[in-house]
Amino acid sequence: MFDINKIIAKPGTKINLSDFKTDYSGKLEKEDGKKVLKEVVEELSELQELLYADNRYSVLVVFQAPDAGGKDGAIRSVFSGVNPQGCQVTSFRSPSKVELEHDYLWRHVAALPEKGVIGIFNRSHYENVLVTKVNPDYLMGEKIPGYETVDKINEKFWQTRYEQINNFEKFLSQNGTIVIKFFLNISKEEQKDRFLSRLEETDKYWKFNSGDLDSRDDWDKYRTAYQEMLQNTSTDYAPWYVIPSDKKFFARVAIGKIINDRIKAMNMKFPAGEGKEQLDIARKRLENE
């Protein structure tokens, strides 16, 4: 269907986003994509039930993307068949005053999924090496010892933060959380078209924020921040998948397929339940009522 090597940020290699096509769709056509997505959604529903019953692992799905990258639509489509009881979505916005009184990972730790549950981070702890890297003034609210002024924010600071995030995800992986990270990669032209679409349809006005245009003005700065994020935090235990997202149908199929494959790799099983003798007794009791 598609070559995973074309969309994975290989750990330990130099990453250049220009090497990743935003319109790649493998051999998949749009009409076939709808059928394949339906199959992927159905399989994920079954796997989520298995994950919940096995109750040894949890899944953390991380989404990062430029504005209008398609995170909400992907989440809505890919997880449409999942039992709400076994799935939770957390969207992270600017930290509150209370959150700023803790370390930057605190609010993300509090939102981690429990055993048997799929947790989805719509934006995530990676905002702390993305929006803050493009706008380092935001870091002043964190009151970090040794970095009290913007001029003290240097490359050592960012390397330390990448290391902290890697250690955090390694800890999660070693304790039963499958960490799956998606960067939805769209072109600047596609982003423009999506913004214009939101401005042309009244029922999409609510999706548009004028502040998104300020981020668009910093497109190149964000691309650099994304590249450095991918290069420094794509690991064997928590690799980044750079999803070509100009074509929404392909992005959703690829995301669902990768999640399914990662869950299946854990070789989970349904609990055996009570013994056959006890089940036979229960069956007879019901039949004799």
Protein backbone atom coordinates (compact mmCIF):
# COMPACT_ATOMS: atom_id res chain seq x y z
CA MET A 1 0.00 0.00 0.00
CA PHE A 2 2.81 2.39 0.91
CA ASP A 3 6.51 2.23 1.70
CA ILE A 4 7.02 2.83 5.43
CA ASN A 5 10.58 3.93 4.70
CA LYS A 6 9.20 6.95 2.88
CA ILE A 7 7.36 8.23 5.94
CA ILE A 8 9.45 7.27 8.95
CA ALA A 9 12.02 9.63 10.43
CA LYS A 10 14.80 7.10 10.86
CA PRO A 11 16.36 7.39 14.33
CA GLY A 12 19.94 8.62 14.39
CA THR A 13 19.85 10.18 10.92
CA LYS A 14 19.84 13.77 9.75
CA ILE A 15 16.31 14.85 8.91
CA ASN A 16 15.41 17.26 6.13
CA LEU A 17 11.70 17.78 5.54
CA SER A 18 12.34 18.46 1.87
CA ASP A 19 13.07 14.72 1.61
CA PHE A 20 9.48 13.92 2.61
CA LYS A 21 6.81 14.50 -0.02
CA THR A 22 3.62 16.10 1.26
CA ASP A 23 1.51 14.62 -1.56
CA TYR A 24 2.83 11.03 -1.49
CA SER A 25 0.04 8.43 -1.54
CA GLY A 26 1.81 5.22 -2.49
CA LYS A 27 -0.35 3.20 -4.87
CA LEU A 28 -3.56 4.26 -3.18
CA GLU A 29 -6.27 6.16 -5.06
CA LYS A 30 -8.95 8.24 -3.34
CA GLU A 31 -11.89 5.92 -4.03
CA ASP A 32 -9.95 2.86 -2.91
CA GLY A 33 -8.76 4.86 0.08
CA LYS A 34 -12.31 5.13 1.42
CA LYS A 35 -12.72 1.36 1.32
CA VAL A 36 -9.32 0.72 2.89
CA LEU A 37 -9.98 3.27 5.65
CA LYS A 38 -13.23 1.50 6.53
CA GLU A 39 -11.32 -1.77 6.89
CA VAL A 40 -8.60 -0.10 8.95
CA VAL A 41 -11.19 1.49 11.27
CA GLU A 42 -12.92 -1.86 11.78
CA GLU A 43 -9.61 -3.56 12.58
CA LEU A 44 -8.67 -0.83 15.06
CA SER A 45 -12.01 -1.31 16.80
CA GLU A 46 -11.21 -5.01 17.29
CA LEU A 47 -7.66 -4.26 18.42
CA GLN A 48 -8.88 -1.68 20.91
CA GLU A 49 -11.16 -4.30 22.46
CA LEU A 50 -8.18 -6.67 22.68
CA LEU A 51 -6.02 -3.94 24.23
CA TYR A 52 -8.74 -3.23 26.81
CA ALA A 53 -9.26 -6.91 27.66
CA ASP A 54 -5.53 -7.73 27.83
CA ASN A 55 -5.07 -4.75 30.18
CA ARG A 56 -1.26 -4.85 30.21
CA TYR A 57 -0.46 -2.10 27.73
CA SER A 58 -1.66 1.39 26.94
CA VAL A 59 -1.25 3.33 23.68
CA LEU A 60 -0.24 6.98 23.42
CA VAL A 61 -0.83 8.53 19.99
CA VAL A 62 0.83 11.92 19.54
CA PHE A 63 -0.25 14.36 16.81
CA GLN A 64 1.76 17.40 15.76
CA ALA A 65 1.13 19.48 12.64
CA PRO A 66 1.12 22.99 11.23
CA ASP A 67 -2.18 24.84 11.49
CA ALA A 68 -4.81 23.22 9.21
CA GLY A 69 -2.63 20.11 9.05
CA GLY A 70 -5.64 17.81 9.53
CA LYS A 71 -5.21 16.56 13.10
CA ASP A 72 -8.87 16.88 14.11
CA GLY A 73 -10.17 15.22 10.96
CA ALA A 74 -7.67 12.38 11.24
CA ILE A 75 -8.60 11.73 14.87
CA ARG A 76 -12.31 11.84 14.06
CA SER A 77 -11.97 9.45 11.10
CA VAL A 78 -9.39 6.94 12.32
CA PHE A 79 -10.92 6.47 15.77
CA SER A 80 -14.57 6.59 14.66
CA GLY A 81 -15.09 2.90 15.45
CA VAL A 82 -13.36 2.81 18.82
CA ASN A 83 -15.36 2.28 22.01
CA PRO A 84 -15.31 5.64 23.87
CA GLN A 85 -14.79 3.70 27.10
CA GLY A 86 -11.32 2.74 25.93
CA CYS A 87 -10.19 5.97 24.31
CA GLN A 88 -9.45 9.50 25.51
CA VAL A 89 -8.44 12.65 23.62
CA THR A 90 -6.55 15.53 25.23
CA SER A 91 -5.97 18.81 23.40
CA PHE A 92 -3.20 20.98 24.80
CA ARG A 93 -3.39 24.74 24.49
CA SER A 94 -1.33 27.46 26.16
CA PRO A 95 -0.48 26.40 29.73
CA SER A 96 -2.56 27.86 32.55
CA LYS A 97 -1.14 29.71 35.56
CA VAL A 98 -1.44 26.52 37.62
CA GLU A 99 0.36 24.48 34.95
CA LEU A 100 3.16 27.03 34.75
CA GLU A 101 3.79 26.47 38.45
CA HIS A 102 4.93 22.92 37.59
CA ASP A 103 7.53 21.50 35.23
CA TYR A 104 6.51 21.53 31.56
CA LEU A 105 5.78 17.78 31.43
CA TRP A 106 3.47 17.83 34.46
CA ARG A 107 0.22 18.41 32.61
CA HIS A 108 1.10 15.80 30.00
CA VAL A 109 1.88 13.15 32.62
CA ALA A 110 -1.51 13.84 34.20
CA ALA A 111 -3.22 13.07 30.87
CA LEU A 112 -1.47 9.75 30.14
CA PRO A 113 -3.76 6.79 29.33
CA GLU A 114 -4.23 4.01 31.84
CA LYS A 115 -3.66 0.34 31.04
CA GLY A 116 -5.96 -0.91 28.28
CA VAL A 117 -6.71 2.57 26.97
CA ILE A 118 -5.73 4.51 23.85
CA GLY A 119 -4.74 8.07 24.73
CA ILE A 120 -4.55 10.72 22.00
CA PHE A 121 -2.59 13.95 22.39
CA ASN A 122 -3.88 16.58 19.96
CA ARG A 123 -0.73 18.68 20.15
CA SER A 124 1.49 17.50 22.96
CA HIS A 125 4.61 17.88 25.06
CA TYR A 126 6.38 18.69 21.78
CA GLU A 127 4.90 22.18 21.82
CA ASN A 128 7.66 22.80 24.35
CA VAL A 129 10.30 22.47 21.61
CA LEU A 130 8.23 23.96 18.80
CA VAL A 131 6.18 27.05 19.61
CA THR A 132 8.60 27.95 22.41
CA LYS A 133 11.57 27.58 20.07
CA VAL A 134 10.03 29.93 17.52
CA ASN A 135 8.83 32.25 20.31
CA PRO A 136 11.34 31.87 23.19
CA ASP A 137 9.67 34.71 25.10
CA TYR A 138 6.99 32.16 26.06
CA LEU A 139 9.59 30.32 28.13
CA MET A 140 9.79 33.18 30.61
CA GLY A 141 6.50 32.08 32.12
CA GLU A 142 8.11 28.78 33.15
CA LYS A 143 10.61 30.47 35.50
CA ILE A 144 13.41 28.00 34.76
CA PRO A 145 16.45 28.36 37.05
CA GLY A 146 19.48 29.49 35.05
CA TYR A 147 17.35 30.71 32.15
CA GLU A 148 15.69 33.77 33.61
CA THR A 149 16.12 35.89 30.47
CA VAL A 150 15.60 35.10 26.78
CA ASP A 151 19.23 35.75 25.90
CA LYS A 152 20.23 32.76 28.06
CA ILE A 153 18.16 30.32 25.99
CA ASN A 154 20.83 28.55 23.96
CA GLU A 155 21.41 25.30 22.06
CA LYS A 156 22.37 23.51 25.28
CA PHE A 157 18.92 24.35 26.64
CA TRP A 158 17.18 22.74 23.66
CA GLN A 159 19.40 19.67 23.66
CA THR A 160 18.63 19.17 27.34
CA ARG A 161 14.92 19.45 26.64
CA TYR A 162 15.11 16.91 23.78
CA GLU A 163 16.95 14.55 26.14
CA GLN A 164 14.30 15.00 28.83
CA ILE A 165 11.52 14.19 26.37
CA ASN A 166 13.37 11.11 25.11
CA ASN A 167 13.87 9.89 28.67
CA PHE A 168 10.19 10.49 29.40
CA GLU A 169 9.10 8.43 26.39
CA LYS A 170 11.65 5.72 27.11
CA PHE A 171 10.26 5.40 30.62
CA LEU A 172 6.74 5.08 29.21
CA SER A 173 7.82 2.46 26.66
CA GLN A 174 9.60 0.40 29.30
CA ASN A 175 6.47 0.43 31.43
CA GLY A 176 3.95 -0.76 28.85
CA THR A 177 2.94 2.34 26.90
CA ILE A 178 3.19 2.07 23.12
CA VAL A 179 4.22 5.57 21.98
CA ILE A 180 3.19 6.36 18.37
CA LYS A 181 4.05 9.82 17.04
CA PHE A 182 2.68 11.43 13.89
CA PHE A 183 3.83 14.66 12.26
CA LEU A 184 1.25 15.64 9.64
CA ASN A 185 3.32 17.14 6.86
CA ILE A 186 1.49 19.56 4.54
CA SER A 187 2.75 22.00 1.95
CA LYS A 188 2.44 25.76 2.37
CA GLU A 189 0.19 25.82 -0.70
CA GLU A 190 -2.18 23.24 0.78
CA GLN A 191 -2.34 25.16 4.04
CA LYS A 192 -3.33 28.29 2.12
CA ASP A 193 -6.11 26.40 0.30
CA ARG A 194 -7.46 25.04 3.60
CA PHE A 195 -7.43 28.48 5.20
CA LEU A 196 -9.30 29.94 2.22
CA SER A 197 -11.82 27.10 2.40
CA ARG A 198 -12.53 28.01 6.01
CA LEU A 199 -13.13 31.61 5.00
CA GLU A 200 -15.50 30.69 2.18
CA GLU A 201 -17.90 28.48 4.15
CA THR A 202 -19.82 29.96 7.06
CA ASP A 203 -19.94 26.65 8.94
CA LYS A 204 -16.13 26.63 8.95
CA TYR A 205 -15.61 30.17 10.23
CA TRP A 206 -15.14 28.85 13.75
CA LYS A 207 -12.08 26.88 12.60
CA PHE A 208 -10.25 29.99 11.45
CA ASN A 209 -8.08 32.03 13.80
CA SER A 210 -6.32 35.14 12.52
CA GLY A 211 -3.41 34.24 14.76
CA ASP A 212 -2.78 31.26 12.48
CA LEU A 213 -1.57 33.71 9.84
CA ASP A 214 1.11 34.94 12.24
CA SER A 215 2.37 31.36 12.52
CA ARG A 216 2.21 31.09 8.73
CA ASP A 217 4.49 34.13 8.51
CA ASP A 218 6.99 32.07 10.53
CA TRP A 219 6.64 29.06 8.22
CA ASP A 220 10.38 28.64 7.67
CA LYS A 221 11.17 28.98 11.37
CA TYR A 222 8.62 26.31 12.20
CA ARG A 223 9.94 24.00 9.50
CA THR A 224 13.38 24.27 11.05
CA ALA A 225 11.93 23.58 14.51
CA TYR A 226 10.05 20.55 13.18
CA GLN A 227 13.17 19.18 11.53
CA GLU A 228 15.21 19.55 14.70
CA MET A 229 12.41 17.96 16.73
CA LEU A 230 12.25 14.96 14.39
CA GLN A 231 16.01 14.56 14.25
CA ASN A 232 16.50 14.72 18.01
CA THR A 233 13.48 12.78 19.25
CA SER A 234 12.81 10.01 16.73
CA THR A 235 13.97 6.90 18.59
CA ASP A 236 13.76 3.14 18.20
CA TYR A 237 11.20 2.95 21.01
CA ALA A 238 9.20 6.00 19.87
CA PRO A 239 9.87 6.85 16.21
CA TRP A 240 8.27 9.74 14.36
CA TYR A 241 6.14 9.06 11.30
CA VAL A 242 6.12 11.98 8.85
CA ILE A 243 2.68 11.58 7.30
CA PRO A 244 2.14 13.10 3.82
CA SER A 245 -1.04 15.08 4.50
CA ASP A 246 -1.90 17.08 1.40
CA LYS A 247 -4.22 14.18 0.52
CA LYS A 248 -6.38 13.59 3.56
CA PHE A 249 -7.57 10.14 2.50
CA PHE A 250 -4.01 8.82 2.42
CA ALA A 251 -3.00 10.45 5.69
CA ARG A 252 -5.88 8.79 7.50
CA VAL A 253 -5.23 5.36 6.02
CA ALA A 254 -1.51 5.57 6.83
CA ILE A 255 -2.16 6.68 10.41
CA GLY A 256 -4.67 3.91 11.05
CA LYS A 257 -2.51 1.24 9.44
CA ILE A 258 0.54 2.21 11.48
CA ILE A 259 -1.42 2.21 14.74
CA ASN A 260 -2.88 -1.22 13.95
CA ASP A 261 0.50 -2.67 13.08
CA ARG A 262 2.11 -1.32 16.25
CA ILE A 263 -0.65 -2.78 18.45
CA LYS A 264 -0.57 -6.16 16.69
CA ALA A 265 3.18 -6.36 17.24
CA MET A 266 2.57 -6.65 21.00
CA ASN A 267 0.97 -10.12 20.58
CA MET A 268 -1.78 -9.50 23.11
CA LYS A 269 -4.39 -12.11 23.98
CA PHE A 270 -7.89 -12.15 25.40
CA PRO A 271 -7.96 -13.44 29.01
CA ALA A 272 -8.93 -17.10 29.27
CA GLY A 273 -11.86 -16.41 31.58
CA GLU A 274 -13.39 -19.06 33.79
CA GLY A 275 -12.77 -22.75 33.15
CA LYS A 276 -14.89 -24.80 30.75
CA GLU A 277 -16.55 -26.70 33.61
CA GLN A 278 -17.74 -23.50 35.26
CA LEU A 279 -18.96 -22.13 31.94
CA ASP A 280 -20.93 -25.32 31.26
CA ILE A 281 -22.57 -25.03 34.67
CA ALA A 282 -23.49 -21.40 34.01
CA ARG A 283 -24.93 -22.33 30.61
CA LYS A 284 -27.11 -25.07 32.12
CA ARG A 285 -28.38 -22.73 34.84
CA LEU A 286 -29.46 -20.24 32.20
CA GLU A 287 -31.06 -22.89 30.01
CA ASN A 288 -32.99 -24.33 32.97
CA GLU A 289 -34.52 -21.07 34.12
